[in-house]
Amino acid sequence: MTSSKPVIAMLHGWGMNARVFDTLAQRLAPEFDVYTLNLPGHGGRAVLRLNTLQSWADDLVNQLPAHSTLLGWSLGGQIAMRAAIDYPDTVARLIVMSSTPRFVASEDWAHGMALSDLQTFGADLVSDPQSTLLRFLSLQTRGVAGQKALLQQLRAAFLDAPRSDAEALKQGLSLLCTTDLRAALSRLMQPTLVIHGGLDTLTPAAAGIWLADNLSNARHMELSRAAHAPHLSHGDEVAAEIGRFIHG
């Protein structure tokens, strides 16, 4: 029997898997038909022959019903933005959480990480993938009250699913280093909710402000005491705002 509830699909970030949305999905399930999706090569999924932002966005849309609300977290937010631009009939509403049009800082983009930091992750990934990814998770919780418990949640989600494919990790890191969606975002017209943590060190809060200011139909929620995983540290607030956004 087809559900009459609105559909919300959620896509995780680099090196993670759909289990990171378990608690948020439980909060939303009474009101929504919730899909939690894995990127290619993550969470036990097979890799694609071609691994680009476009191919991952195409793959994502092939799993969605028409008129879905799509939530993308971190790298998943970039893929979700690409999907929303290209498939407006499928992606009716967009939620961009802890994401950015460009992860890497440059002369004309101050709201990013140093390229050298991401390249260091790439070098370490070759020698010790699991330790490198666990270290990456610790960056996502830096500065948050209850950091130890939050990091344990992220690690549990990471360890409870099959390991990500090495090639998918390499390609995903390449996307973090090279993607720049700033010019393309003028074509993103769907209602969009931008959720960001004020303590986020991977995608600074200023990146969320920029997104909200430069999208044609966006609202902005900044959680001042959240870092890169507001759906875990501030789950009740995030779920309530998602409900208001979709129903409003």
C-alpha atoms as a PDB file:
ATOM      1  CA  MET A   1       0.000   0.000   0.000  1.00  0.00           C
ATOM      2  CA  THR A   2       1.409   3.391  -0.984  1.00  0.00           C
ATOM      3  CA  SER A   3       2.082   5.735   1.914  1.00  0.00           C
ATOM      4  CA  SER A   4       0.173   9.017   1.969  1.00  0.00           C
ATOM      5  CA  LYS A   5       2.892  10.720   4.036  1.00  0.00           C
ATOM      6  CA  PRO A   6       5.325  13.176   2.402  1.00  0.00           C
ATOM      7  CA  VAL A   7       8.613  11.609   1.336  1.00  0.00           C
ATOM      8  CA  ILE A   8      11.917  12.793   2.760  1.00  0.00           C
ATOM      9  CA  ALA A   9      15.154  11.180   1.559  1.00  0.00           C
ATOM     10  CA  MET A  10      18.469  11.701   3.358  1.00  0.00           C
ATOM     11  CA  LEU A  11      21.984  11.354   1.974  1.00  0.00           C
ATOM     12  CA  HIS A  12      25.095  11.152   4.164  1.00  0.00           C
ATOM     13  CA  GLY A  13      28.575  12.599   3.719  1.00  0.00           C
ATOM     14  CA  TRP A  14      32.033  11.342   2.787  1.00  0.00           C
ATOM     15  CA  GLY A  15      33.126   8.077   4.388  1.00  0.00           C
ATOM     16  CA  MET A  16      29.890   7.619   6.327  1.00  0.00           C
ATOM     17  CA  ASN A  17      26.717   5.631   5.632  1.00  0.00           C
ATOM     18  CA  ALA A  18      22.960   5.867   6.036  1.00  0.00           C
ATOM     19  CA  ARG A  19      23.081   4.663   9.658  1.00  0.00           C
ATOM     20  CA  VAL A  20      24.129   8.177  10.682  1.00  0.00           C
ATOM     21  CA  PHE A  21      20.485   9.185  10.174  1.00  0.00           C
ATOM     22  CA  ASP A  22      18.948   6.483  12.396  1.00  0.00           C
ATOM     23  CA  THR A  23      17.888   8.795  15.221  1.00  0.00           C
ATOM     24  CA  LEU A  24      16.697  11.588  12.934  1.00  0.00           C
ATOM     25  CA  ALA A  25      14.708   9.085  10.870  1.00  0.00           C
ATOM     26  CA  GLN A  26      13.008   7.819  14.049  1.00  0.00           C
ATOM     27  CA  ARG A  27      12.033  11.363  14.978  1.00  0.00           C
ATOM     28  CA  LEU A  28      10.591  12.061  11.517  1.00  0.00           C
ATOM     29  CA  ALA A  29       8.917   8.694  10.873  1.00  0.00           C
ATOM     30  CA  PRO A  30       5.526   9.559  12.445  1.00  0.00           C
ATOM     31  CA  GLU A  31       5.027  12.395   9.935  1.00  0.00           C
ATOM     32  CA  PHE A  32       7.062  11.353   6.897  1.00  0.00           C
ATOM     33  CA  ASP A  33       7.942   8.427   4.683  1.00  0.00           C
ATOM     34  CA  VAL A  34      11.702   8.415   5.340  1.00  0.00           C
ATOM     35  CA  TYR A  35      14.348   7.057   2.966  1.00  0.00           C
ATOM     36  CA  THR A  36      17.954   6.857   4.200  1.00  0.00           C
ATOM     37  CA  LEU A  37      20.278   6.303   1.274  1.00  0.00           C
ATOM     38  CA  ASN A  38      23.896   5.241   0.822  1.00  0.00           C
ATOM     39  CA  LEU A  39      26.312   6.801  -1.615  1.00  0.00           C
ATOM     40  CA  PRO A  40      27.861   4.477  -4.203  1.00  0.00           C
ATOM     41  CA  GLY A  41      30.614   2.417  -2.593  1.00  0.00           C
ATOM     42  CA  HIS A  42      29.402   3.277   0.920  1.00  0.00           C
ATOM     43  CA  GLY A  43      27.375   1.244   3.400  1.00  0.00           C
ATOM     44  CA  GLY A  44      27.758  -1.955   1.372  1.00  0.00           C
ATOM     45  CA  ARG A  45      26.689  -0.505  -1.984  1.00  0.00           C
ATOM     46  CA  ALA A  46      28.664  -1.273  -5.114  1.00  0.00           C
ATOM     47  CA  VAL A  47      30.743   1.421  -6.751  1.00  0.00           C
ATOM     48  CA  LEU A  48      29.752   3.006 -10.036  1.00  0.00           C
ATOM     49  CA  ARG A  49      31.859   2.748 -13.180  1.00  0.00           C
ATOM     50  CA  LEU A  50      32.034   6.533 -13.280  1.00  0.00           C
ATOM     51  CA  ASN A  51      32.382   8.441 -10.013  1.00  0.00           C
ATOM     52  CA  THR A  52      31.691  12.149 -10.471  1.00  0.00           C
ATOM     53  CA  LEU A  53      29.400  14.611  -8.755  1.00  0.00           C
ATOM     54  CA  GLN A  54      27.051  14.307 -11.710  1.00  0.00           C
ATOM     55  CA  SER A  55      27.017  10.509 -11.765  1.00  0.00           C
ATOM     56  CA  TRP A  56      26.394  10.342  -8.025  1.00  0.00           C
ATOM     57  CA  ALA A  57      23.564  12.879  -8.367  1.00  0.00           C
ATOM     58  CA  ASP A  58      22.037  10.868 -11.232  1.00  0.00           C
ATOM     59  CA  ASP A  59      22.304   7.696  -9.146  1.00  0.00           C
ATOM     60  CA  LEU A  60      20.605   9.434  -6.235  1.00  0.00           C
ATOM     61  CA  VAL A  61      17.662  10.670  -8.280  1.00  0.00           C
ATOM     62  CA  ASN A  62      17.069   7.175  -9.670  1.00  0.00           C
ATOM     63  CA  GLN A  63      16.197   6.092  -6.108  1.00  0.00           C
ATOM     64  CA  LEU A  64      13.681   8.862  -5.369  1.00  0.00           C
ATOM     65  CA  PRO A  65       9.936   9.109  -5.944  1.00  0.00           C
ATOM     66  CA  ALA A  66       8.703  12.219  -7.713  1.00  0.00           C
ATOM     67  CA  HIS A  67       8.163  15.334  -5.587  1.00  0.00           C
ATOM     68  CA  SER A  68      10.498  14.250  -2.792  1.00  0.00           C
ATOM     69  CA  THR A  69      12.084  16.398  -0.148  1.00  0.00           C
ATOM     70  CA  LEU A  70      15.822  15.717  -0.283  1.00  0.00           C
ATOM     71  CA  LEU A  71      18.193  16.273   2.630  1.00  0.00           C
ATOM     72  CA  GLY A  72      21.927  16.217   1.988  1.00  0.00           C
ATOM     73  CA  TRP A  73      24.522  16.340   4.768  1.00  0.00           C
ATOM     74  CA  SER A  74      28.087  17.556   4.108  1.00  0.00           C
ATOM     75  CA  LEU A  75      29.250  16.050   0.769  1.00  0.00           C
ATOM     76  CA  GLY A  76      25.728  14.681   0.473  1.00  0.00           C
ATOM     77  CA  GLY A  77      24.542  18.293   0.446  1.00  0.00           C
ATOM     78  CA  GLN A  78      26.615  19.048  -2.648  1.00  0.00           C
ATOM     79  CA  ILE A  79      25.223  15.985  -4.407  1.00  0.00           C
ATOM     80  CA  ALA A  80      21.711  16.969  -3.335  1.00  0.00           C
ATOM     81  CA  MET A  81      22.179  20.495  -4.695  1.00  0.00           C
ATOM     82  CA  ARG A  82      23.376  19.094  -8.016  1.00  0.00           C
ATOM     83  CA  ALA A  83      20.356  16.762  -8.132  1.00  0.00           C
ATOM     84  CA  ALA A  84      17.941  19.589  -7.304  1.00  0.00           C
ATOM     85  CA  ILE A  85      19.335  21.763 -10.091  1.00  0.00           C
ATOM     86  CA  ASP A  86      19.098  19.009 -12.690  1.00  0.00           C
ATOM     87  CA  TYR A  87      15.904  17.232 -11.592  1.00  0.00           C
ATOM     88  CA  PRO A  88      13.386  19.778 -10.277  1.00  0.00           C
ATOM     89  CA  ASP A  89      10.448  17.431 -10.972  1.00  0.00           C
ATOM     90  CA  THR A  90      11.909  14.857  -8.609  1.00  0.00           C
ATOM     91  CA  VAL A  91      13.379  17.119  -5.931  1.00  0.00           C
ATOM     92  CA  ALA A  92      10.504  19.335  -4.823  1.00  0.00           C
ATOM     93  CA  ARG A  93      12.172  20.690  -1.672  1.00  0.00           C
ATOM     94  CA  LEU A  94      15.788  20.705  -0.556  1.00  0.00           C
ATOM     95  CA  ILE A  95      17.432  20.626   2.862  1.00  0.00           C
ATOM     96  CA  VAL A  96      21.160  21.372   2.916  1.00  0.00           C
ATOM     97  CA  MET A  97      22.775  20.490   6.236  1.00  0.00           C
ATOM     98  CA  SER A  98      26.369  21.315   7.183  1.00  0.00           C
ATOM     99  CA  SER A  99      27.243  21.714   3.542  1.00  0.00           C
ATOM    100  CA  THR A 100      28.761  24.290   1.247  1.00  0.00           C
ATOM    101  CA  PRO A 101      29.062  25.100  -2.450  1.00  0.00           C
ATOM    102  CA  ARG A 102      32.840  24.719  -2.116  1.00  0.00           C
ATOM    103  CA  PHE A 103      34.755  22.860   0.600  1.00  0.00           C
ATOM    104  CA  VAL A 104      38.167  24.288  -0.267  1.00  0.00           C
ATOM    105  CA  ALA A 105      39.176  27.866   0.513  1.00  0.00           C
ATOM    106  CA  SER A 106      40.540  30.038  -2.287  1.00  0.00           C
ATOM    107  CA  GLU A 107      41.289  33.688  -3.021  1.00  0.00           C
ATOM    108  CA  ASP A 108      37.617  34.340  -3.744  1.00  0.00           C
ATOM    109  CA  TRP A 109      36.172  31.912  -1.174  1.00  0.00           C
ATOM    110  CA  ALA A 110      37.185  32.351   2.446  1.00  0.00           C
ATOM    111  CA  HIS A 111      34.592  29.969   3.916  1.00  0.00           C
ATOM    112  CA  GLY A 112      36.422  26.678   3.400  1.00  0.00           C
ATOM    113  CA  MET A 113      39.238  24.364   4.479  1.00  0.00           C
ATOM    114  CA  ALA A 114      42.817  24.559   3.295  1.00  0.00           C
ATOM    115  CA  LEU A 115      43.375  22.249   0.329  1.00  0.00           C
ATOM    116  CA  SER A 116      46.484  20.883   2.047  1.00  0.00           C
ATOM    117  CA  ASP A 117      44.348  19.596   4.939  1.00  0.00           C
ATOM    118  CA  LEU A 118      42.163  17.554   2.604  1.00  0.00           C
ATOM    119  CA  GLN A 119      45.203  16.327   0.688  1.00  0.00           C
ATOM    120  CA  THR A 120      46.708  15.095   3.947  1.00  0.00           C
ATOM    121  CA  PHE A 121      43.575  13.037   4.542  1.00  0.00           C
ATOM    122  CA  GLY A 122      44.035  11.597   1.056  1.00  0.00           C
ATOM    123  CA  ALA A 123      47.601  10.529   1.741  1.00  0.00           C
ATOM    124  CA  ASP A 124      46.688   9.014   5.106  1.00  0.00           C
ATOM    125  CA  LEU A 125      43.704   7.241   3.587  1.00  0.00           C
ATOM    126  CA  VAL A 126      45.984   5.071   1.484  1.00  0.00           C
ATOM    127  CA  SER A 127      48.014   3.825   4.440  1.00  0.00           C
ATOM    128  CA  ASP A 128      45.316   3.495   7.125  1.00  0.00           C
ATOM    129  CA  PRO A 129      41.742   4.094   5.893  1.00  0.00           C
ATOM    130  CA  GLN A 130      39.878   3.271   9.103  1.00  0.00           C
ATOM    131  CA  SER A 131      42.021   5.385  11.431  1.00  0.00           C
ATOM    132  CA  THR A 132      41.917   8.271   8.956  1.00  0.00           C
ATOM    133  CA  LEU A 133      38.132   8.202   8.751  1.00  0.00           C
ATOM    134  CA  LEU A 134      37.775   7.981  12.535  1.00  0.00           C
ATOM    135  CA  ARG A 135      40.048  11.024  12.838  1.00  0.00           C
ATOM    136  CA  PHE A 136      37.856  12.810  10.288  1.00  0.00           C
ATOM    137  CA  LEU A 137      34.840  12.077  12.485  1.00  0.00           C
ATOM    138  CA  SER A 138      36.530  13.729  15.461  1.00  0.00           C
ATOM    139  CA  LEU A 139      36.779  16.971  13.469  1.00  0.00           C
ATOM    140  CA  GLN A 140      33.014  16.893  13.018  1.00  0.00           C
ATOM    141  CA  THR A 141      32.371  17.178  16.745  1.00  0.00           C
ATOM    142  CA  ARG A 142      35.099  19.611  17.804  1.00  0.00           C
ATOM    143  CA  GLY A 143      33.953  22.210  20.328  1.00  0.00           C
ATOM    144  CA  VAL A 144      30.500  20.752  20.973  1.00  0.00           C
ATOM    145  CA  ALA A 145      29.145  20.164  24.462  1.00  0.00           C
ATOM    146  CA  GLY A 146      28.978  16.414  25.012  1.00  0.00           C
ATOM    147  CA  GLN A 147      31.606  15.835  22.325  1.00  0.00           C
ATOM    148  CA  LYS A 148      32.549  12.376  23.603  1.00  0.00           C
ATOM    149  CA  ALA A 149      28.987  11.027  23.404  1.00  0.00           C
ATOM    150  CA  LEU A 150      28.416  12.615  20.004  1.00  0.00           C
ATOM    151  CA  LEU A 151      31.637  11.149  18.628  1.00  0.00           C
ATOM    152  CA  GLN A 152      30.573   7.737  19.933  1.00  0.00           C
ATOM    153  CA  GLN A 153      27.328   8.045  17.946  1.00  0.00           C
ATOM    154  CA  LEU A 154      29.205   8.883  14.760  1.00  0.00           C
ATOM    155  CA  ARG A 155      31.689   6.065  15.300  1.00  0.00           C
ATOM    156  CA  ALA A 156      28.893   3.580  15.960  1.00  0.00           C
ATOM    157  CA  ALA A 157      27.170   4.542  12.702  1.00  0.00           C
ATOM    158  CA  PHE A 158      30.496   4.241  10.888  1.00  0.00           C
ATOM    159  CA  LEU A 159      31.432   0.853  12.361  1.00  0.00           C
ATOM    160  CA  ASP A 160      27.969  -0.756  12.173  1.00  0.00           C
ATOM    161  CA  ALA A 161      27.943  -0.803   8.351  1.00  0.00           C
ATOM    162  CA  PRO A 162      30.294  -2.461   5.856  1.00  0.00           C
ATOM    163  CA  ARG A 163      33.477  -0.539   5.176  1.00  0.00           C
ATOM    164  CA  SER A 164      33.373   1.951   2.363  1.00  0.00           C
ATOM    165  CA  ASP A 165      35.062   0.937  -0.862  1.00  0.00           C
ATOM    166  CA  ALA A 166      38.591   2.354  -1.214  1.00  0.00           C
ATOM    167  CA  GLU A 167      37.953   3.694  -4.712  1.00  0.00           C
ATOM    168  CA  ALA A 168      34.715   5.359  -3.621  1.00  0.00           C
ATOM    169  CA  LEU A 169      36.546   7.034  -0.732  1.00  0.00           C
ATOM    170  CA  LYS A 170      39.249   8.274  -3.077  1.00  0.00           C
ATOM    171  CA  GLN A 171      36.715   9.646  -5.545  1.00  0.00           C
ATOM    172  CA  GLY A 172      34.610  11.200  -2.793  1.00  0.00           C
ATOM    173  CA  LEU A 173      37.648  12.997  -1.399  1.00  0.00           C
ATOM    174  CA  SER A 174      38.419  14.242  -4.907  1.00  0.00           C
ATOM    175  CA  LEU A 175      34.895  15.700  -5.059  1.00  0.00           C
ATOM    176  CA  LEU A 176      35.495  17.499  -1.761  1.00  0.00           C
ATOM    177  CA  CYS A 177      38.661  18.997  -3.201  1.00  0.00           C
ATOM    178  CA  THR A 178      37.323  20.064  -6.596  1.00  0.00           C
ATOM    179  CA  THR A 179      33.585  20.783  -6.446  1.00  0.00           C
ATOM    180  CA  ASP A 180      32.471  24.395  -6.778  1.00  0.00           C
ATOM    181  CA  LEU A 181      28.719  24.888  -7.197  1.00  0.00           C
ATOM    182  CA  ARG A 182      28.580  28.658  -6.714  1.00  0.00           C
ATOM    183  CA  ALA A 183      27.842  29.546 -10.332  1.00  0.00           C
ATOM    184  CA  ALA A 184      25.317  26.727 -10.798  1.00  0.00           C
ATOM    185  CA  LEU A 185      23.219  27.640  -7.767  1.00  0.00           C
ATOM    186  CA  SER A 186      21.472  30.474  -9.607  1.00  0.00           C
ATOM    187  CA  ARG A 187      19.421  27.695 -11.260  1.00  0.00           C
ATOM    188  CA  LEU A 188      18.279  26.121  -7.980  1.00  0.00           C
ATOM    189  CA  MET A 189      14.729  27.383  -7.512  1.00  0.00           C
ATOM    190  CA  GLN A 190      13.145  24.918  -5.075  1.00  0.00           C
ATOM    191  CA  PRO A 191      12.285  25.943  -1.518  1.00  0.00           C
ATOM    192  CA  THR A 192      15.455  25.248   0.457  1.00  0.00           C
ATOM    193  CA  LEU A 193      16.231  24.951   4.156  1.00  0.00           C
ATOM    194  CA  VAL A 194      19.868  25.586   5.089  1.00  0.00           C
ATOM    195  CA  ILE A 195      20.838  24.076   8.464  1.00  0.00           C
ATOM    196  CA  HIS A 196      24.258  24.837   9.886  1.00  0.00           C
ATOM    197  CA  GLY A 197      26.198  24.621  13.122  1.00  0.00           C
ATOM    198  CA  GLY A 198      27.872  27.728  14.451  1.00  0.00           C
ATOM    199  CA  LEU A 199      30.898  25.675  15.627  1.00  0.00           C
ATOM    200  CA  ASP A 200      31.397  23.774  12.364  1.00  0.00           C
ATOM    201  CA  THR A 201      35.101  23.655  11.464  1.00  0.00           C
ATOM    202  CA  LEU A 202      34.711  21.620   8.248  1.00  0.00           C
ATOM    203  CA  THR A 203      32.085  23.851   6.624  1.00  0.00           C
ATOM    204  CA  PRO A 204      32.180  27.165   8.476  1.00  0.00           C
ATOM    205  CA  ALA A 205      28.923  28.822   9.451  1.00  0.00           C
ATOM    206  CA  ALA A 206      29.640  31.599   6.946  1.00  0.00           C
ATOM    207  CA  ALA A 207      29.198  29.048   4.149  1.00  0.00           C
ATOM    208  CA  GLY A 208      25.652  28.374   5.333  1.00  0.00           C
ATOM    209  CA  ILE A 209      24.916  32.095   5.469  1.00  0.00           C
ATOM    210  CA  TRP A 210      26.260  32.476   1.931  1.00  0.00           C
ATOM    211  CA  LEU A 211      24.029  29.655   0.691  1.00  0.00           C
ATOM    212  CA  ALA A 212      20.918  31.133   2.274  1.00  0.00           C
ATOM    213  CA  ASP A 213      21.727  34.567   0.850  1.00  0.00           C
ATOM    214  CA  ASN A 214      22.445  33.299  -2.667  1.00  0.00           C
ATOM    215  CA  LEU A 215      19.640  30.806  -3.194  1.00  0.00           C
ATOM    216  CA  SER A 216      16.441  32.238  -4.611  1.00  0.00           C
ATOM    217  CA  ASN A 217      14.049  30.613  -2.122  1.00  0.00           C
ATOM    218  CA  ALA A 218      15.920  29.730   1.062  1.00  0.00           C
ATOM    219  CA  ARG A 219      15.498  29.932   4.803  1.00  0.00           C
ATOM    220  CA  HIS A 220      18.362  29.589   7.257  1.00  0.00           C
ATOM    221  CA  MET A 221      18.704  27.843  10.614  1.00  0.00           C
ATOM    222  CA  GLU A 222      21.990  28.231  12.487  1.00  0.00           C
ATOM    223  CA  LEU A 223      22.436  26.307  15.722  1.00  0.00           C
ATOM    224  CA  SER A 224      25.069  28.278  17.600  1.00  0.00           C
ATOM    225  CA  ARG A 225      26.293  25.351  19.762  1.00  0.00           C
ATOM    226  CA  ALA A 226      26.271  22.687  17.032  1.00  0.00           C
ATOM    227  CA  ALA A 227      29.232  21.578  14.920  1.00  0.00           C
ATOM    228  CA  HIS A 228      29.166  19.435  11.767  1.00  0.00           C
ATOM    229  CA  ALA A 229      26.489  16.957  12.911  1.00  0.00           C
ATOM    230  CA  PRO A 230      23.526  19.039  14.173  1.00  0.00           C
ATOM    231  CA  HIS A 231      21.117  16.162  13.496  1.00  0.00           C
ATOM    232  CA  LEU A 232      22.896  14.248  16.276  1.00  0.00           C
ATOM    233  CA  SER A 233      23.745  17.023  18.730  1.00  0.00           C
ATOM    234  CA  HIS A 234      20.460  18.947  18.314  1.00  0.00           C
ATOM    235  CA  GLY A 235      18.133  16.315  16.899  1.00  0.00           C
ATOM    236  CA  ASP A 236      14.884  17.611  18.365  1.00  0.00           C
ATOM    237  CA  GLU A 237      15.451  21.136  17.044  1.00  0.00           C
ATOM    238  CA  VAL A 238      16.492  19.889  13.602  1.00  0.00           C
ATOM    239  CA  ALA A 239      13.501  17.541  13.311  1.00  0.00           C
ATOM    240  CA  ALA A 240      11.083  20.271  14.391  1.00  0.00           C
ATOM    241  CA  GLU A 241      12.472  22.726  11.849  1.00  0.00           C
ATOM    242  CA  ILE A 242      12.292  20.116   9.073  1.00  0.00           C
ATOM    243  CA  GLY A 243       8.646  19.526   9.948  1.00  0.00           C
ATOM    244  CA  ARG A 244       7.858  23.234   9.809  1.00  0.00           C
ATOM    245  CA  PHE A 245       9.690  23.581   6.513  1.00  0.00           C
ATOM    246  CA  ILE A 246       7.919  20.719   4.739  1.00  0.00           C
ATOM    247  CA  HIS A 247       4.459  21.396   6.123  1.00  0.00           C
ATOM    248  CA  GLY A 248       4.728  25.167   5.813  1.00  0.00           C
END
